Amino acid sequence: MRSRDYGNDVLAGDWRRPRKGRIPEVPAEPGLVAEDPDSGFCGAVVGCDRFGVTLEDRFGKRRVFPLAKAGFLIDGTPVTLVRPAAAPREPARSASGSIAVRGLRAQVAKESRIYVEGVHDAELVEKIWGHDLRVEGVVVEYLEGVDDLPAIVEEFAPDEGRRLGVLVDHLVEGSKESRIAARVSSPHVLVTGHPFIDVWEAVKPSTVGISTWPSVPRGVPWKEGVLAELGWGNDVGAAWRRILGSVRSFTDLEPDLLGRVEELIDFVTAPAT
């Protein structure tokens, strides 16, 4: 005698409807094993987008199935696969490592300035800190050397609301550059610098594919001596483009330069007291 609780086929009816509660929604995360009951295809999730979910079976065969309600079985239980929630996006970073400001509009430049020695210094600062400087409205200019720095500072006429930061190459004790910098005493001017003979050396050697920057004998122009030692020809402009093109972020630069530039930016953007 057949029980009144069942029909002729115990599997007849809507298998997609669980007896209690609603059908669970399960994110189709990579690696999740699911089965399509209509075809019997069973495999791990390898992709999921608005067109459906892609399963790959143990033989490497892949099939795409629509994300239908109660369209899959997991461990024999009907489920609805859904697209996984997107991972929270990390804030975009500028080349200097700071949080990038989206939709940045040009600002009127502040009266404060940062001066660097040469065009290569200016281009490197722009590549790494350009975004930050535009956020702050600070302009970087180059001097073509610091021999006339005291006169340049006097002409700039710094004051509390018009600060000047100066980045000097080879600022080490006893150097010509250190003696010139010592002649600038305005509280509204910060002269700082790095120990490298040229800003090229502030780029980590590994960034440009060399083990170390060559030592150049006294009396030999430094850049030309470096090119000769490295076998890079005699085109200084081409060599600099090669170096600058290798730089992607602040991690490609030596800490002795990073710290000094950050210090200058902080100085010229500090609020007036």
Protein backbone atom coordinates (compact mmCIF):
# COMPACT_ATOMS: atom_id res chain seq x y z
CA MET A 1 0.00 0.00 0.00
CA ARG A 2 1.45 3.37 -1.12
CA SER A 3 1.71 6.11 1.48
CA ARG A 4 -0.51 9.14 0.91
CA ASP A 5 2.49 11.37 1.63
CA TYR A 6 4.19 10.57 -1.69
CA GLY A 7 3.17 10.38 -5.31
CA ASN A 8 4.29 7.78 -7.79
CA ASP A 9 7.74 9.43 -8.13
CA VAL A 10 9.50 10.63 -4.99
CA LEU A 11 11.54 13.04 -7.16
CA ALA A 12 8.53 14.54 -8.88
CA GLY A 13 7.63 18.16 -8.22
CA ASP A 14 9.77 21.25 -7.93
CA TRP A 15 13.16 20.15 -6.58
CA ARG A 16 14.28 23.75 -6.63
CA ARG A 17 11.96 24.69 -3.76
CA PRO A 18 13.31 23.67 -0.34
CA ARG A 19 10.70 22.47 2.11
CA LYS A 20 11.63 25.11 4.69
CA GLY A 21 12.83 28.65 4.22
CA ARG A 22 13.93 30.38 1.07
CA ILE A 23 16.57 29.20 -1.38
CA PRO A 24 19.98 30.38 -0.17
CA GLU A 25 22.04 32.73 -2.29
CA VAL A 26 25.69 31.75 -2.52
CA PRO A 27 28.42 33.98 -4.01
CA ALA A 28 30.06 32.26 -6.95
CA GLU A 29 33.59 32.57 -5.55
CA PRO A 30 36.44 30.95 -7.51
CA GLY A 31 36.90 27.32 -6.48
CA LEU A 32 33.33 26.79 -5.29
CA VAL A 33 32.07 23.40 -6.56
CA ALA A 34 28.53 23.42 -7.96
CA GLU A 35 26.40 21.18 -10.14
CA ASP A 36 23.96 22.04 -12.89
CA PRO A 37 21.12 19.55 -12.18
CA ASP A 38 19.63 19.69 -15.66
CA SER A 39 22.80 18.50 -17.40
CA GLY A 40 24.58 16.86 -14.49
CA PHE A 41 27.67 18.96 -15.20
CA CYS A 42 29.67 19.49 -12.02
CA GLY A 43 32.71 21.68 -11.64
CA ALA A 44 34.51 24.45 -9.80
CA VAL A 45 33.74 28.11 -10.40
CA VAL A 46 36.47 29.73 -12.52
CA GLY A 47 34.63 32.91 -13.47
CA CYS A 48 31.44 34.83 -12.92
CA ASP A 49 30.12 37.92 -14.68
CA ARG A 50 26.83 39.40 -15.81
CA PHE A 51 26.54 36.75 -18.52
CA GLY A 52 26.68 33.79 -16.14
CA VAL A 53 28.99 31.54 -14.17
CA THR A 54 31.74 29.39 -15.70
CA LEU A 55 32.33 25.94 -14.23
CA GLU A 56 35.32 23.72 -14.96
CA ASP A 57 35.08 19.97 -14.35
CA ARG A 58 37.91 17.66 -13.29
CA PHE A 59 38.81 17.00 -16.93
CA GLY A 60 39.36 20.69 -17.63
CA LYS A 61 36.17 21.12 -19.63
CA ARG A 62 34.37 24.42 -19.10
CA ARG A 63 30.75 25.43 -19.53
CA VAL A 64 28.89 28.66 -18.89
CA PHE A 65 25.51 28.60 -17.11
CA PRO A 66 23.05 31.43 -16.48
CA LEU A 67 22.64 32.68 -12.92
CA ALA A 68 19.09 31.31 -12.63
CA LYS A 69 17.25 31.21 -9.34
CA ALA A 70 17.83 27.84 -7.65
CA GLY A 71 19.82 26.93 -10.73
CA PHE A 72 22.52 24.84 -9.01
CA LEU A 73 23.15 22.19 -6.39
CA ILE A 74 25.85 22.39 -3.76
CA ASP A 75 26.25 19.17 -1.81
CA GLY A 76 22.80 18.19 -3.10
CA THR A 77 21.12 21.36 -1.82
CA PRO A 78 19.47 23.78 -4.27
CA VAL A 79 21.08 27.22 -4.26
CA THR A 80 21.03 30.41 -6.26
CA LEU A 81 24.50 31.45 -7.35
CA VAL A 82 25.10 35.20 -7.39
CA ARG A 83 27.99 37.36 -8.48
CA PRO A 84 30.50 37.90 -5.65
CA ALA A 85 30.57 41.35 -4.14
CA ALA A 86 33.32 43.48 -5.59
CA ALA A 87 36.31 43.86 -3.31
CA PRO A 88 36.59 47.35 -1.87
CA ARG A 89 38.85 49.45 -4.03
CA GLU A 90 42.02 50.74 -2.46
CA PRO A 91 42.45 54.50 -2.74
CA ALA A 92 44.41 55.40 -5.85
CA ARG A 93 47.96 56.43 -5.13
CA SER A 94 50.14 59.00 -6.82
CA ALA A 95 53.72 58.21 -7.82
CA SER A 96 54.89 59.66 -4.49
CA GLY A 97 52.69 57.21 -2.57
CA SER A 98 50.16 59.80 -1.43
CA ILE A 99 46.41 59.34 -1.93
CA ALA A 100 45.54 60.67 -5.37
CA VAL A 101 42.90 63.38 -5.61
CA ARG A 102 40.37 62.42 -8.28
CA GLY A 103 38.97 65.08 -10.60
CA LEU A 104 41.70 67.52 -9.65
CA ARG A 105 41.19 70.96 -11.13
CA ALA A 106 43.96 73.44 -11.80
CA GLN A 107 44.53 75.89 -8.98
CA VAL A 108 45.97 79.35 -8.93
CA ALA A 109 49.62 78.85 -8.03
CA LYS A 110 50.72 79.89 -4.58
CA GLU A 111 53.37 82.56 -4.25
CA SER A 112 55.62 80.06 -2.52
CA ARG A 113 57.99 78.17 -4.80
CA ILE A 114 60.43 75.27 -4.88
CA TYR A 115 63.68 75.81 -6.76
CA VAL A 116 65.88 72.96 -7.97
CA GLU A 117 69.27 73.13 -9.65
CA GLY A 118 68.60 71.88 -13.15
CA VAL A 119 66.07 70.66 -15.66
CA HIS A 120 66.71 66.99 -14.82
CA ASP A 121 65.98 67.68 -11.16
CA ALA A 122 62.76 69.46 -12.13
CA GLU A 123 61.63 66.63 -14.42
CA LEU A 124 62.26 63.99 -11.76
CA VAL A 125 60.40 65.99 -9.11
CA GLU A 126 57.50 66.49 -11.53
CA LYS A 127 57.29 62.79 -12.35
CA ILE A 128 57.10 61.67 -8.72
CA TRP A 129 55.55 64.64 -6.92
CA GLY A 130 53.75 66.42 -9.76
CA HIS A 131 50.29 65.37 -8.58
CA ASP A 132 50.99 66.44 -5.00
CA LEU A 133 52.35 69.79 -6.11
CA ARG A 134 49.31 70.50 -8.26
CA VAL A 135 47.05 69.65 -5.33
CA GLU A 136 48.94 72.20 -3.24
CA GLY A 137 49.29 74.76 -6.04
CA VAL A 138 53.09 74.84 -5.81
CA VAL A 139 55.31 75.54 -8.82
CA VAL A 140 58.80 74.04 -9.26
CA GLU A 141 61.41 76.05 -11.15
CA TYR A 142 65.03 75.26 -11.99
CA LEU A 143 68.03 77.53 -11.49
CA GLU A 144 70.76 76.13 -13.78
CA GLY A 145 73.09 75.93 -10.78
CA VAL A 146 73.26 77.51 -7.35
CA ASP A 147 76.28 79.79 -7.69
CA ASP A 148 74.03 82.87 -7.55
CA LEU A 149 71.64 81.48 -4.93
CA PRO A 150 71.93 84.37 -2.40
CA ALA A 151 71.07 86.93 -5.08
CA ILE A 152 68.23 84.76 -6.37
CA VAL A 153 66.77 84.49 -2.87
CA GLU A 154 67.01 88.24 -2.37
CA GLU A 155 65.26 88.85 -5.68
CA PHE A 156 62.49 86.41 -4.72
CA ALA A 157 61.81 88.53 -1.60
CA PRO A 158 60.54 85.74 0.69
CA ASP A 159 58.21 86.43 3.60
CA GLU A 160 55.77 84.47 5.76
CA GLY A 161 53.22 84.06 2.99
CA ARG A 162 55.82 83.71 0.24
CA ARG A 163 58.16 80.90 1.17
CA LEU A 164 60.98 79.47 -0.87
CA GLY A 165 62.34 75.93 -0.76
CA VAL A 166 65.59 75.11 -2.53
CA LEU A 167 66.86 71.61 -3.39
CA VAL A 168 70.63 71.47 -3.85
CA ASP A 169 72.74 68.68 -5.35
CA HIS A 170 75.82 67.45 -3.47
CA LEU A 171 74.95 69.26 -0.26
CA VAL A 172 77.63 67.71 1.95
CA GLU A 173 79.96 69.22 4.53
CA GLY A 174 82.82 71.12 2.96
CA SER A 175 81.38 71.23 -0.55
CA LYS A 176 81.01 74.41 -2.58
CA GLU A 177 77.25 73.94 -2.45
CA SER A 178 77.24 73.82 1.35
CA ARG A 179 79.19 77.07 1.57
CA ILE A 180 76.74 78.80 -0.78
CA ALA A 181 73.72 77.46 1.12
CA ALA A 182 75.16 78.76 4.39
CA ARG A 183 74.94 82.31 3.05
CA VAL A 184 71.13 82.11 2.96
CA SER A 185 69.66 82.87 6.38
CA SER A 186 66.03 83.95 5.83
CA PRO A 187 63.55 82.14 8.12
CA HIS A 188 61.21 82.00 5.13
CA VAL A 189 63.69 80.02 3.03
CA LEU A 190 64.65 76.37 3.47
CA VAL A 191 67.75 75.21 1.63
CA THR A 192 68.25 71.48 1.81
CA GLY A 193 69.71 68.87 -0.46
CA HIS A 194 70.96 65.37 -1.11
CA PRO A 195 74.52 64.01 -1.03
CA PHE A 196 74.64 62.89 -4.67
CA ILE A 197 76.92 64.63 -7.17
CA ASP A 198 74.02 64.70 -9.61
CA VAL A 199 70.33 63.88 -9.36
CA TRP A 200 70.94 60.88 -11.64
CA GLU A 201 72.53 59.15 -8.63
CA ALA A 202 69.32 59.63 -6.65
CA VAL A 203 67.74 56.99 -8.90
CA LYS A 204 68.44 53.53 -7.51
CA PRO A 205 70.93 51.68 -9.74
CA SER A 206 68.66 48.63 -9.93
CA THR A 207 65.94 50.81 -11.43
CA VAL A 208 68.06 51.42 -14.52
CA GLY A 209 69.53 47.91 -14.62
CA ILE A 210 73.01 48.56 -13.25
CA SER A 211 74.73 47.35 -10.08
CA THR A 212 76.03 50.76 -9.01
CA TRP A 213 76.66 54.25 -10.32
CA PRO A 214 80.27 54.48 -11.55
CA SER A 215 82.91 56.56 -9.79
CA VAL A 216 84.14 59.34 -12.06
CA PRO A 217 87.69 60.74 -11.65
CA ARG A 218 88.08 64.37 -10.65
CA GLY A 219 88.37 66.67 -13.63
CA VAL A 220 86.04 64.55 -15.79
CA PRO A 221 82.51 65.92 -16.32
CA TRP A 222 80.37 63.61 -14.20
CA LYS A 223 77.59 62.78 -16.68
CA GLU A 224 80.00 62.19 -19.56
CA GLY A 225 82.19 60.03 -17.31
CA VAL A 226 79.18 57.94 -16.28
CA LEU A 227 78.15 57.39 -19.90
CA ALA A 228 81.67 56.28 -20.81
CA GLU A 229 81.88 53.86 -17.88
CA LEU A 230 78.46 52.36 -18.63
CA GLY A 231 78.98 52.21 -22.38
CA TRP A 232 75.85 54.25 -23.02
CA GLY A 233 77.32 56.36 -25.81
CA ASN A 234 77.77 60.12 -25.49
CA ASP A 235 74.22 61.47 -25.75
CA VAL A 236 73.42 62.90 -22.33
CA GLY A 237 69.81 63.69 -23.30
CA ALA A 238 69.14 60.14 -24.46
CA ALA A 239 70.72 58.74 -21.29
CA TRP A 240 68.51 60.92 -19.10
CA ARG A 241 65.39 59.87 -21.00
CA ARG A 242 66.42 56.27 -20.39
CA ILE A 243 66.85 56.92 -16.67
CA LEU A 244 63.68 58.96 -16.24
CA GLY A 245 61.69 56.43 -18.25
CA SER A 246 62.75 53.71 -15.81
CA VAL A 247 61.35 55.59 -12.81
CA ARG A 248 57.77 54.63 -11.94
CA SER A 249 57.28 55.61 -8.30
CA PHE A 250 58.99 56.84 -5.16
CA THR A 251 60.32 53.31 -4.54
CA ASP A 252 62.72 53.81 -7.46
CA LEU A 253 64.47 56.70 -5.69
CA GLU A 254 66.97 56.86 -2.86
CA PRO A 255 65.62 57.85 0.57
CA ASP A 256 68.08 60.76 0.77
CA LEU A 257 66.20 62.48 -2.05
CA LEU A 258 62.71 61.44 -0.99
CA GLY A 259 63.03 62.89 2.48
CA ARG A 260 64.39 66.21 1.27
CA VAL A 261 61.69 66.81 -1.31
CA GLU A 262 58.93 65.92 1.16
CA GLU A 263 60.54 68.33 3.64
CA LEU A 264 60.48 71.14 1.08
CA ILE A 265 56.85 70.52 0.16
CA ASP A 266 55.86 70.59 3.83
CA PHE A 267 57.82 73.82 4.36
CA VAL A 268 56.34 75.80 1.47
CA THR A 269 52.76 74.62 2.12
CA ALA A 270 52.77 75.16 5.90
CA PRO A 271 50.11 77.65 7.01
CA ALA A 272 51.33 81.11 7.91
CA THR A 273 51.73 81.68 11.63
